[in-house]
Protein backbone atom coordinates (compact mmCIF):
# COMPACT_ATOMS: atom_id res chain seq x y z
CA UNK A 1 -14.10 -0.28 14.19
CA UNK A 2 -11.29 0.40 11.66
CA UNK A 3 -10.71 3.99 10.52
CA UNK A 4 -10.52 4.75 6.78
CA UNK A 5 -9.45 8.07 5.24
CA UNK A 6 -10.54 8.93 1.67
CA UNK A 7 -8.62 11.73 -0.07
CA UNK A 8 -9.94 13.07 -3.39
CA UNK A 9 -10.75 16.50 -4.77
CA UNK A 10 -13.94 15.12 -6.37
CA UNK A 11 -16.77 15.37 -3.79
CA UNK A 12 -18.84 12.70 -5.57
CA UNK A 13 -16.03 10.15 -5.32
CA UNK A 14 -15.49 11.00 -1.64
CA UNK A 15 -19.18 10.59 -0.90
CA UNK A 16 -19.52 7.34 -2.89
CA UNK A 17 -16.53 5.73 -1.20
CA UNK A 18 -17.61 6.73 2.30
CA UNK A 19 -21.10 5.39 1.55
CA UNK A 20 -19.48 2.14 0.37
CA UNK A 21 -17.52 1.76 3.61
CA UNK A 22 -20.33 2.87 5.93
CA UNK A 23 -21.40 0.23 8.42
CA UNK A 24 -18.14 -1.71 8.43
CA UNK A 25 -15.68 1.16 8.96
CA UNK A 26 -15.53 4.65 10.34
CA UNK A 27 -14.82 6.73 7.21
CA UNK A 28 -13.54 10.30 7.06
CA UNK A 29 -12.69 12.27 3.92
CA UNK A 30 -10.44 15.12 2.81
CA UNK A 31 -10.53 17.21 -0.38
CA UNK A 32 -6.77 17.85 -0.44
CA UNK A 33 -3.57 16.14 0.67
CA UNK A 34 -2.86 19.06 2.98
CA UNK A 35 -6.21 18.58 4.71
CA UNK A 36 -5.52 14.85 5.04
CA UNK A 37 -2.16 15.48 6.73
CA UNK A 38 -3.80 17.88 9.19
CA UNK A 39 -6.32 15.16 10.08
CA UNK A 40 -3.52 12.62 10.50
CA UNK A 41 -1.85 14.87 13.08
CA UNK A 42 -4.62 13.96 15.51
CA UNK A 43 -5.86 10.59 14.20
CA UNK A 44 -4.30 7.28 13.18
CA UNK A 45 -5.98 5.54 10.27
CA UNK A 46 -6.00 1.85 9.39
CA UNK A 47 -5.91 2.62 5.67
CA UNK A 48 -5.76 5.69 3.40
CA UNK A 49 -7.39 5.71 -0.05
CA UNK A 50 -6.06 8.59 -2.16
CA UNK A 51 -6.26 10.11 -5.61
CA UNK A 52 -3.00 11.15 -7.33
CA UNK A 53 -3.80 14.35 -9.24
CA UNK A 54 -5.15 16.96 -6.82
CA UNK A 55 -4.72 20.72 -6.40
CA UNK A 56 -1.65 21.56 -4.31
CA UNK A 57 0.19 18.54 -2.92
CA UNK A 58 -0.16 15.43 -5.10
CA UNK A 59 -1.23 12.00 -3.92
CA UNK A 60 2.33 10.73 -4.42
CA UNK A 61 3.67 13.42 -2.11
CA UNK A 62 0.95 12.55 0.40
CA UNK A 63 1.97 8.89 0.15
CA UNK A 64 5.57 9.84 0.94
CA UNK A 65 4.51 11.91 3.93
CA UNK A 66 2.36 9.08 5.26
CA UNK A 67 5.28 6.64 4.96
CA UNK A 68 7.36 9.11 6.96
CA UNK A 69 4.76 9.94 9.65
CA UNK A 70 2.76 6.70 9.94
CA UNK A 71 4.83 4.05 8.09
CA UNK A 72 2.52 1.19 9.08
CA UNK A 73 -0.56 2.74 7.41
CA UNK A 74 -1.42 1.07 4.06
CA UNK A 75 -2.03 3.49 1.18
CA UNK A 76 -4.36 2.53 -1.68
CA UNK A 77 -4.04 4.67 -4.81
CA UNK A 78 -6.95 5.49 -7.13
CA UNK A 79 -5.87 7.22 -10.32
CA UNK A 80 -6.85 8.09 -13.86
CA UNK A 81 -3.20 7.71 -14.88
CA UNK A 82 -3.43 4.50 -16.93
CA UNK A 83 0.31 3.84 -17.02
CA UNK A 84 1.34 0.33 -15.95
CA UNK A 85 4.99 1.35 -15.40
CA UNK A 86 3.84 4.20 -13.14
CA UNK A 87 1.60 1.77 -11.24
CA UNK A 88 4.47 -0.69 -10.81
CA UNK A 89 6.73 2.14 -9.61
CA UNK A 90 4.32 3.18 -6.86
CA UNK A 91 3.79 -0.43 -5.77
CA UNK A 92 7.56 -0.91 -5.57
CA UNK A 93 7.77 2.17 -3.34
CA UNK A 94 5.36 0.53 -0.93
CA UNK A 95 1.84 1.50 -1.99
CA UNK A 96 -0.54 -1.26 -0.89
CA UNK A 97 -2.55 -1.25 -4.11
CA UNK A 98 -3.18 0.84 -7.23
CA UNK A 99 -6.60 0.91 -8.93
CA UNK A 100 -7.31 2.68 -12.20
CA UNK A 101 -10.34 4.93 -12.49
CA UNK A 102 -13.13 4.21 -13.13
CA UNK A 103 -12.81 1.64 -10.35
CA UNK A 104 -15.10 -1.28 -9.53
CA UNK A 105 -16.79 -0.93 -6.16
CA UNK A 106 -16.37 -4.61 -5.26
CA UNK A 107 -12.63 -4.46 -6.01
CA UNK A 108 -12.12 -1.40 -3.81
CA UNK A 109 -14.18 -3.00 -1.05
CA UNK A 110 -12.05 -6.16 -1.16
CA UNK A 111 -8.77 -4.22 -1.28
CA UNK A 112 -9.68 -2.07 1.73
CA UNK A 113 -10.65 -5.16 3.74
CA UNK A 114 -7.35 -6.80 2.77
CA UNK A 115 -5.38 -3.65 3.65
CA UNK A 116 -6.96 -3.44 7.09
CA UNK A 117 -6.02 -7.07 7.79
CA UNK A 118 -2.50 -6.36 6.50
CA UNK A 119 -2.27 -3.37 8.85
CA UNK A 120 -3.32 -5.53 11.79
CA UNK A 121 -0.67 -8.14 10.95
CA UNK A 122 1.98 -5.47 10.50
CA UNK A 123 1.26 -3.97 13.91
CA UNK A 124 1.45 -7.43 15.48
CA UNK A 125 4.76 -8.12 13.74
CA UNK A 126 6.13 -4.77 14.87
CA UNK A 127 5.12 -5.59 18.45
CA UNK A 128 6.94 -8.94 18.28
CA UNK A 129 9.94 -7.14 16.82
CA UNK A 130 9.89 -4.56 19.63
CA UNK A 131 9.53 -7.21 22.32
CA UNK A 132 12.53 -9.28 21.23
CA UNK A 133 15.42 -9.19 23.71
CA UNK A 134 19.13 -9.91 23.38
CA UNK A 135 21.34 -10.59 20.38
CA UNK A 136 21.23 -8.82 17.05
CA UNK A 137 17.69 -7.74 16.26
CA UNK A 138 16.18 -8.85 12.96
CA UNK A 139 14.59 -6.20 10.78
CA UNK A 140 10.98 -5.66 9.83
CA UNK A 141 10.31 -5.75 6.08
CA UNK A 142 7.24 -5.03 3.96
CA UNK A 143 7.14 -7.22 0.84
CA UNK A 144 5.58 -6.57 -2.56
CA UNK A 145 5.08 -10.01 -4.12
CA UNK A 146 4.37 -10.31 -7.86
CA UNK A 147 3.43 -13.27 -10.03
CA UNK A 148 2.59 -13.47 -13.72
CA UNK A 149 1.77 -15.91 -16.51
CA UNK A 150 3.48 -15.93 -19.92
CA UNK A 151 0.61 -14.19 -21.75
CA UNK A 152 0.97 -11.17 -19.46
CA UNK A 153 -2.79 -10.95 -18.97
CA UNK A 154 -2.82 -12.89 -15.73
CA UNK A 155 -0.85 -11.08 -13.03
CA UNK A 156 -1.10 -10.87 -9.26
CA UNK A 157 0.30 -8.59 -6.57
CA UNK A 158 0.14 -9.05 -2.82
CA UNK A 159 1.83 -7.16 0.03
CA UNK A 160 3.07 -8.98 3.11
CA UNK A 161 5.16 -8.29 6.20
CA UNK A 162 8.01 -10.44 7.53
CA UNK A 163 10.77 -10.33 10.13
CA UNK A 164 14.18 -11.24 8.71
CA UNK A 165 17.87 -10.68 9.38
CA UNK A 166 18.55 -9.32 5.89
CA UNK A 167 16.84 -8.13 2.72
CA UNK A 168 17.86 -11.35 0.93
CA UNK A 169 16.26 -13.46 3.65
CA UNK A 170 13.08 -11.36 3.45
CA UNK A 171 12.97 -11.79 -0.34
CA UNK A 172 13.44 -15.54 0.02
CA UNK A 173 10.46 -15.70 2.36
CA UNK A 174 8.47 -13.79 -0.26
CA UNK A 175 9.51 -16.17 -3.05
CA UNK A 176 8.44 -19.14 -0.93
CA UNK A 177 5.06 -17.50 -0.31
CA UNK A 178 4.68 -16.76 -4.06
CA UNK A 179 5.53 -20.34 -5.03
CA UNK A 180 2.97 -21.63 -2.54
CA UNK A 181 0.17 -19.27 -3.57
CA UNK A 182 0.86 -19.17 -7.33
CA UNK A 183 2.52 -22.53 -8.18
CA UNK A 184 4.47 -22.94 -11.39
CA UNK A 185 2.49 -26.11 -12.14
CA UNK A 186 -0.52 -23.82 -12.65
CA UNK A 187 1.34 -21.75 -15.21
CA UNK A 188 2.73 -18.98 -13.00
CA UNK A 189 6.22 -18.58 -14.42
CA UNK A 190 7.34 -15.22 -13.03
CA UNK A 191 7.76 -14.64 -9.31
CA UNK A 192 9.30 -11.36 -8.17
CA UNK A 193 9.66 -9.89 -4.68
CA UNK A 194 10.59 -6.38 -3.55
CA UNK A 195 11.52 -5.97 0.12
CA UNK A 196 11.72 -2.65 1.96
CA UNK A 197 12.46 -1.96 5.61
CA UNK A 198 9.47 -0.44 7.35
CA UNK A 199 11.62 2.39 8.71
CA UNK A 200 12.91 3.28 5.20
CA UNK A 201 12.49 6.92 4.09
CA UNK A 202 11.11 6.83 0.53
CA UNK A 203 10.63 10.58 -0.03
CA UNK A 204 13.62 10.93 -2.36
CA UNK A 205 12.67 7.88 -4.41
CA UNK A 206 9.11 9.16 -4.78
CA UNK A 207 10.39 12.46 -6.22
CA UNK A 208 10.95 10.97 -9.69
CA UNK A 209 7.34 9.81 -9.89
CA UNK A 210 6.09 13.21 -8.71
CA UNK A 211 8.05 15.09 -11.37
CA UNK A 212 6.97 12.63 -14.08
CA UNK A 213 3.22 13.11 -13.70
CA UNK A 214 2.59 16.42 -11.89
C-alpha cells in the first residue's frame, strides 16, 4: 500500500485529507515541516502533500529538503497563496502539483493517485538507468509539460520522467508528448517543457520563492 504524508499546521485539514486517503493509502500526518523531516528520516513516502505557510520552516523549504533527501518523492503543494506566477515558479522547480485552497476533494484525490503512479514510473526509470552498462550514461530528467489555449482559461500541466543524453533531448521528448496529448488541431497553441535532472540541487533556486512569501 502506498505511503502518503500530509503536512499542515491546521489539524482539521490534516484529518480531512487522511480520511480522504484512508482505505487506498497508508496516510501519516505532521503539523510542521520539521516534524515531517524527522518522520522522513525513518520512512520513505510515495507522495508528500504540504501546505506552504506554516510556523517555523515553510513548505517551500520542506520541498527543497525533500528534493535533496528523497529526490524521487513527488510533492503536492496546497496553499492559500493565490498567485499564478508563484504557482508556476514552484512547478518549474519540480513540484508535482499546486492546488489553491480551498481545494476540491476529488481534484486532490486524482492528483495523489497520479503522483503515486508517477513515483512508480520514476523508480522504474531510475532502475533502468542504474542497470545500464558501458558507454556514456544518459541522464534521468523530470519534465514539467505545459499546454495552453489562446484564451488563457484552458491550461494543462503534467509531470513526466524520461531518460535522455541531454536537456535538449529531454525537452524534445516532452514536446512530442505534449503535441500528442494536447494537439494543436484542438486549439492547444502553446506547448512548453521544463527539464531538470533528478539529481539537481534546487535549494538555492527555491530561496527566492521563500523570501518572496515568508
